[in-house]
Amino acid sequence: MKNLNPLKIGKYTFWVSFILGNLFLLGYLFAMAIKSNNIANVCLVGGYIYLFVATAVNLVILLTLLVFGIFKICNVERKQCFIGSAIMLINIPLAILYAFVGLGLATGRFSLLNFLFFI
Protein backbone atom coordinates (compact mmCIF):
# COMPACT_ATOMS: atom_id res chain seq x y z
CA MET A 1 0.00 0.00 0.00
CA LYS A 2 3.01 2.30 0.02
CA ASN A 3 2.68 2.94 -3.70
CA LEU A 4 -0.93 4.05 -3.46
CA ASN A 5 -1.37 7.18 -5.56
CA PRO A 6 -5.02 8.26 -5.45
CA LEU A 7 -4.57 10.83 -8.19
CA LYS A 8 -3.33 8.19 -10.64
CA ILE A 9 -6.12 5.83 -9.62
CA GLY A 10 -8.73 8.54 -10.31
CA LYS A 11 -7.20 9.47 -13.67
CA TYR A 12 -6.82 5.85 -14.76
CA THR A 13 -10.40 5.01 -13.80
CA PHE A 14 -11.67 8.09 -15.62
CA TRP A 15 -9.84 7.30 -18.84
CA VAL A 16 -10.72 3.60 -18.89
CA SER A 17 -14.41 4.37 -18.31
CA PHE A 18 -14.39 7.19 -20.84
CA ILE A 19 -12.70 5.18 -23.59
CA LEU A 20 -14.86 2.08 -23.13
CA GLY A 21 -18.04 4.18 -23.12
CA ASN A 22 -16.95 5.91 -26.33
CA LEU A 23 -16.18 2.56 -27.96
CA PHE A 24 -19.68 1.28 -27.27
CA LEU A 25 -21.33 4.49 -28.51
CA LEU A 26 -19.16 4.77 -31.62
CA GLY A 27 -19.60 1.06 -32.32
CA TYR A 28 -23.35 1.53 -32.20
CA LEU A 29 -23.24 4.62 -34.42
CA PHE A 30 -20.95 2.89 -36.93
CA ALA A 31 -23.16 -0.21 -37.03
CA MET A 32 -26.23 1.93 -37.65
CA ALA A 33 -24.40 3.78 -40.43
CA ILE A 34 -23.60 0.55 -42.28
CA LYS A 35 -27.12 -0.82 -41.57
CA SER A 36 -25.93 -3.79 -39.49
CA ASN A 37 -28.71 -4.29 -36.97
CA ASN A 38 -27.10 -7.31 -35.31
CA ILE A 39 -23.89 -5.43 -34.47
CA ALA A 40 -25.89 -2.37 -33.43
CA ASN A 41 -27.98 -4.45 -31.03
CA VAL A 42 -24.87 -6.03 -29.53
CA CYS A 43 -23.30 -2.59 -29.03
CA LEU A 44 -26.53 -1.19 -27.58
CA VAL A 45 -27.09 -4.01 -25.10
CA GLY A 46 -23.38 -4.22 -24.30
CA GLY A 47 -23.28 -0.47 -23.76
CA TYR A 48 -26.13 -0.55 -21.26
CA ILE A 49 -24.65 -3.53 -19.43
CA TYR A 50 -21.34 -1.67 -19.35
CA LEU A 51 -23.13 1.40 -18.00
CA PHE A 52 -24.43 -0.53 -14.99
CA VAL A 53 -21.20 -2.45 -14.34
CA ALA A 54 -19.03 0.66 -14.73
CA THR A 55 -21.33 2.58 -12.39
CA ALA A 56 -20.88 -0.06 -9.69
CA VAL A 57 -17.10 -0.33 -10.15
CA ASN A 58 -16.59 3.44 -10.30
CA LEU A 59 -18.76 3.92 -7.22
CA VAL A 60 -16.67 1.44 -5.24
CA ILE A 61 -13.43 3.14 -6.33
CA LEU A 62 -14.87 6.59 -5.63
CA LEU A 63 -16.03 5.64 -2.14
CA THR A 64 -12.68 4.00 -1.43
CA LEU A 65 -10.81 7.16 -2.43
CA LEU A 66 -13.13 9.28 -0.30
CA VAL A 67 -12.73 7.02 2.74
CA PHE A 68 -8.96 7.00 2.31
CA GLY A 69 -8.98 10.79 2.06
CA ILE A 70 -11.31 11.45 4.97
CA PHE A 71 -9.65 9.04 7.39
CA LYS A 72 -6.09 9.41 6.04
CA ILE A 73 -5.60 5.66 5.66
CA CYS A 74 -2.13 4.46 4.60
CA ASN A 75 -0.67 7.98 4.93
CA VAL A 76 -2.15 9.19 1.65
CA GLU A 77 -2.64 12.88 1.12
CA ARG A 78 -6.18 14.09 1.53
CA LYS A 79 -5.90 16.55 -1.36
CA GLN A 80 -4.83 13.83 -3.83
CA CYS A 81 -7.75 11.62 -2.83
CA PHE A 82 -10.25 14.41 -3.35
CA ILE A 83 -8.75 15.50 -6.68
CA GLY A 84 -8.76 11.88 -7.90
CA SER A 85 -12.40 11.59 -6.83
CA ALA A 86 -13.29 14.84 -8.61
CA ILE A 87 -11.67 13.63 -11.83
CA MET A 88 -13.78 10.49 -11.68
CA LEU A 89 -16.94 12.56 -11.24
CA ILE A 90 -16.46 14.09 -14.69
CA ASN A 91 -17.77 10.84 -16.19
CA ILE A 92 -21.24 11.22 -14.65
CA PRO A 93 -22.64 13.81 -17.08
CA LEU A 94 -21.01 11.98 -19.99
CA ALA A 95 -22.63 8.69 -18.98
CA ILE A 96 -26.03 10.37 -18.71
CA LEU A 97 -25.60 11.98 -22.13
CA TYR A 98 -24.55 8.68 -23.72
CA ALA A 99 -27.51 6.89 -22.13
CA PHE A 100 -29.95 9.45 -23.57
CA VAL A 101 -28.28 9.38 -26.98
CA GLY A 102 -28.34 5.58 -27.09
CA LEU A 103 -31.95 5.50 -25.98
CA GLY A 104 -32.94 8.19 -28.47
CA LEU A 105 -31.26 6.40 -31.36
CA ALA A 106 -32.61 2.99 -30.34
CA THR A 107 -36.21 4.15 -29.97
CA GLY A 108 -36.13 6.18 -33.16
CA ARG A 109 -36.79 9.52 -31.51
CA PHE A 110 -34.05 10.98 -33.64
CA SER A 111 -32.04 9.52 -36.47
CA LEU A 112 -28.33 9.09 -36.94
CA LEU A 113 -28.26 11.99 -39.40
CA ASN A 114 -29.96 14.34 -36.94
CA PHE A 115 -27.54 13.25 -34.24
CA LEU A 116 -24.47 13.87 -36.41
CA PHE A 117 -25.68 17.33 -37.44
CA PHE A 118 -26.57 18.13 -33.83
CA ILE A 119 -22.93 17.66 -32.83
C-alpha atoms as a PDB file:
ATOM      1  CA  MET A   1       0.000   0.000   0.000  1.00  0.00           C
ATOM      2  CA  LYS A   2       3.011   2.296   0.022  1.00  0.00           C
ATOM      3  CA  ASN A   3       2.682   2.939  -3.698  1.00  0.00           C
ATOM      4  CA  LEU A   4      -0.926   4.049  -3.463  1.00  0.00           C
ATOM      5  CA  ASN A   5      -1.372   7.176  -5.556  1.00  0.00           C
ATOM      6  CA  PRO A   6      -5.024   8.256  -5.450  1.00  0.00           C
ATOM      7  CA  LEU A   7      -4.573  10.834  -8.193  1.00  0.00           C
ATOM      8  CA  LYS A   8      -3.332   8.189 -10.643  1.00  0.00           C
ATOM      9  CA  ILE A   9      -6.125   5.826  -9.625  1.00  0.00           C
ATOM     10  CA  GLY A  10      -8.728   8.537 -10.309  1.00  0.00           C
ATOM     11  CA  LYS A  11      -7.204   9.467 -13.669  1.00  0.00           C
ATOM     12  CA  TYR A  12      -6.821   5.848 -14.761  1.00  0.00           C
ATOM     13  CA  THR A  13     -10.399   5.008 -13.802  1.00  0.00           C
ATOM     14  CA  PHE A  14     -11.672   8.094 -15.616  1.00  0.00           C
ATOM     15  CA  TRP A  15      -9.839   7.298 -18.838  1.00  0.00           C
ATOM     16  CA  VAL A  16     -10.723   3.599 -18.886  1.00  0.00           C
ATOM     17  CA  SER A  17     -14.410   4.365 -18.308  1.00  0.00           C
ATOM     18  CA  PHE A  18     -14.391   7.194 -20.844  1.00  0.00           C
ATOM     19  CA  ILE A  19     -12.702   5.178 -23.594  1.00  0.00           C
ATOM     20  CA  LEU A  20     -14.863   2.083 -23.134  1.00  0.00           C
ATOM     21  CA  GLY A  21     -18.038   4.185 -23.121  1.00  0.00           C
ATOM     22  CA  ASN A  22     -16.954   5.907 -26.326  1.00  0.00           C
ATOM     23  CA  LEU A  23     -16.179   2.560 -27.961  1.00  0.00           C
ATOM     24  CA  PHE A  24     -19.683   1.281 -27.273  1.00  0.00           C
ATOM     25  CA  LEU A  25     -21.329   4.493 -28.506  1.00  0.00           C
ATOM     26  CA  LEU A  26     -19.158   4.767 -31.623  1.00  0.00           C
ATOM     27  CA  GLY A  27     -19.605   1.060 -32.325  1.00  0.00           C
ATOM     28  CA  TYR A  28     -23.349   1.529 -32.200  1.00  0.00           C
ATOM     29  CA  LEU A  29     -23.243   4.618 -34.424  1.00  0.00           C
ATOM     30  CA  PHE A  30     -20.951   2.886 -36.933  1.00  0.00           C
ATOM     31  CA  ALA A  31     -23.162  -0.213 -37.028  1.00  0.00           C
ATOM     32  CA  MET A  32     -26.229   1.933 -37.650  1.00  0.00           C
ATOM     33  CA  ALA A  33     -24.395   3.782 -40.430  1.00  0.00           C
ATOM     34  CA  ILE A  34     -23.602   0.545 -42.277  1.00  0.00           C
ATOM     35  CA  LYS A  35     -27.118  -0.821 -41.574  1.00  0.00           C
ATOM     36  CA  SER A  36     -25.931  -3.785 -39.493  1.00  0.00           C
ATOM     37  CA  ASN A  37     -28.711  -4.289 -36.969  1.00  0.00           C
ATOM     38  CA  ASN A  38     -27.096  -7.306 -35.312  1.00  0.00           C
ATOM     39  CA  ILE A  39     -23.891  -5.430 -34.466  1.00  0.00           C
ATOM     40  CA  ALA A  40     -25.886  -2.372 -33.433  1.00  0.00           C
ATOM     41  CA  ASN A  41     -27.981  -4.453 -31.029  1.00  0.00           C
ATOM     42  CA  VAL A  42     -24.868  -6.027 -29.527  1.00  0.00           C
ATOM     43  CA  CYS A  43     -23.301  -2.585 -29.026  1.00  0.00           C
ATOM     44  CA  LEU A  44     -26.530  -1.194 -27.581  1.00  0.00           C
ATOM     45  CA  VAL A  45     -27.091  -4.012 -25.099  1.00  0.00           C
ATOM     46  CA  GLY A  46     -23.383  -4.223 -24.299  1.00  0.00           C
ATOM     47  CA  GLY A  47     -23.284  -0.468 -23.758  1.00  0.00           C
ATOM     48  CA  TYR A  48     -26.128  -0.549 -21.264  1.00  0.00           C
ATOM     49  CA  ILE A  49     -24.649  -3.532 -19.429  1.00  0.00           C
ATOM     50  CA  TYR A  50     -21.344  -1.671 -19.353  1.00  0.00           C
ATOM     51  CA  LEU A  51     -23.125   1.401 -18.005  1.00  0.00           C
ATOM     52  CA  PHE A  52     -24.430  -0.526 -14.991  1.00  0.00           C
ATOM     53  CA  VAL A  53     -21.203  -2.449 -14.343  1.00  0.00           C
ATOM     54  CA  ALA A  54     -19.030   0.656 -14.734  1.00  0.00           C
ATOM     55  CA  THR A  55     -21.327   2.576 -12.393  1.00  0.00           C
ATOM     56  CA  ALA A  56     -20.877  -0.059  -9.689  1.00  0.00           C
ATOM     57  CA  VAL A  57     -17.102  -0.330 -10.149  1.00  0.00           C
ATOM     58  CA  ASN A  58     -16.590   3.442 -10.300  1.00  0.00           C
ATOM     59  CA  LEU A  59     -18.763   3.915  -7.222  1.00  0.00           C
ATOM     60  CA  VAL A  60     -16.669   1.438  -5.241  1.00  0.00           C
ATOM     61  CA  ILE A  61     -13.430   3.135  -6.333  1.00  0.00           C
ATOM     62  CA  LEU A  62     -14.866   6.592  -5.630  1.00  0.00           C
ATOM     63  CA  LEU A  63     -16.030   5.644  -2.138  1.00  0.00           C
ATOM     64  CA  THR A  64     -12.679   3.996  -1.426  1.00  0.00           C
ATOM     65  CA  LEU A  65     -10.814   7.159  -2.429  1.00  0.00           C
ATOM     66  CA  LEU A  66     -13.128   9.281  -0.301  1.00  0.00           C
ATOM     67  CA  VAL A  67     -12.733   7.017   2.737  1.00  0.00           C
ATOM     68  CA  PHE A  68      -8.958   7.002   2.312  1.00  0.00           C
ATOM     69  CA  GLY A  69      -8.983  10.788   2.059  1.00  0.00           C
ATOM     70  CA  ILE A  70     -11.309  11.451   4.968  1.00  0.00           C
ATOM     71  CA  PHE A  71      -9.654   9.042   7.395  1.00  0.00           C
ATOM     72  CA  LYS A  72      -6.093   9.410   6.038  1.00  0.00           C
ATOM     73  CA  ILE A  73      -5.601   5.662   5.658  1.00  0.00           C
ATOM     74  CA  CYS A  74      -2.129   4.463   4.604  1.00  0.00           C
ATOM     75  CA  ASN A  75      -0.665   7.977   4.927  1.00  0.00           C
ATOM     76  CA  VAL A  76      -2.147   9.191   1.649  1.00  0.00           C
ATOM     77  CA  GLU A  77      -2.639  12.881   1.117  1.00  0.00           C
ATOM     78  CA  ARG A  78      -6.179  14.092   1.530  1.00  0.00           C
ATOM     79  CA  LYS A  79      -5.904  16.546  -1.363  1.00  0.00           C
ATOM     80  CA  GLN A  80      -4.825  13.833  -3.826  1.00  0.00           C
ATOM     81  CA  CYS A  81      -7.746  11.620  -2.831  1.00  0.00           C
ATOM     82  CA  PHE A  82     -10.249  14.408  -3.350  1.00  0.00           C
ATOM     83  CA  ILE A  83      -8.752  15.500  -6.684  1.00  0.00           C
ATOM     84  CA  GLY A  84      -8.761  11.882  -7.901  1.00  0.00           C
ATOM     85  CA  SER A  85     -12.402  11.594  -6.835  1.00  0.00           C
ATOM     86  CA  ALA A  86     -13.293  14.836  -8.607  1.00  0.00           C
ATOM     87  CA  ILE A  87     -11.669  13.629 -11.829  1.00  0.00           C
ATOM     88  CA  MET A  88     -13.783  10.486 -11.682  1.00  0.00           C
ATOM     89  CA  LEU A  89     -16.944  12.564 -11.235  1.00  0.00           C
ATOM     90  CA  ILE A  90     -16.457  14.094 -14.694  1.00  0.00           C
ATOM     91  CA  ASN A  91     -17.768  10.835 -16.188  1.00  0.00           C
ATOM     92  CA  ILE A  92     -21.242  11.216 -14.648  1.00  0.00           C
ATOM     93  CA  PRO A  93     -22.642  13.807 -17.082  1.00  0.00           C
ATOM     94  CA  LEU A  94     -21.007  11.984 -19.992  1.00  0.00           C
ATOM     95  CA  ALA A  95     -22.627   8.685 -18.984  1.00  0.00           C
ATOM     96  CA  ILE A  96     -26.032  10.370 -18.706  1.00  0.00           C
ATOM     97  CA  LEU A  97     -25.596  11.979 -22.128  1.00  0.00           C
ATOM     98  CA  TYR A  98     -24.551   8.682 -23.717  1.00  0.00           C
ATOM     99  CA  ALA A  99     -27.514   6.890 -22.127  1.00  0.00           C
ATOM    100  CA  PHE A 100     -29.952   9.448 -23.568  1.00  0.00           C
ATOM    101  CA  VAL A 101     -28.279   9.376 -26.984  1.00  0.00           C
ATOM    102  CA  GLY A 102     -28.336   5.575 -27.086  1.00  0.00           C
ATOM    103  CA  LEU A 103     -31.955   5.498 -25.983  1.00  0.00           C
ATOM    104  CA  GLY A 104     -32.943   8.194 -28.469  1.00  0.00           C
ATOM    105  CA  LEU A 105     -31.263   6.400 -31.356  1.00  0.00           C
ATOM    106  CA  ALA A 106     -32.609   2.993 -30.340  1.00  0.00           C
ATOM    107  CA  THR A 107     -36.212   4.146 -29.966  1.00  0.00           C
ATOM    108  CA  GLY A 108     -36.126   6.179 -33.162  1.00  0.00           C
ATOM    109  CA  ARG A 109     -36.788   9.524 -31.507  1.00  0.00           C
ATOM    110  CA  PHE A 110     -34.046  10.980 -33.644  1.00  0.00           C
ATOM    111  CA  SER A 111     -32.035   9.522 -36.469  1.00  0.00           C
ATOM    112  CA  LEU A 112     -28.328   9.091 -36.944  1.00  0.00           C
ATOM    113  CA  LEU A 113     -28.258  11.990 -39.399  1.00  0.00           C
ATOM    114  CA  ASN A 114     -29.956  14.337 -36.942  1.00  0.00           C
ATOM    115  CA  PHE A 115     -27.535  13.253 -34.244  1.00  0.00           C
ATOM    116  CA  LEU A 116     -24.468  13.875 -36.409  1.00  0.00           C
ATOM    117  CA  PHE A 117     -25.680  17.331 -37.439  1.00  0.00           C
ATOM    118  CA  PHE A 118     -26.572  18.135 -33.829  1.00  0.00           C
ATOM    119  CA  ILE A 119     -22.932  17.656 -32.833  1.00  0.00           C
END
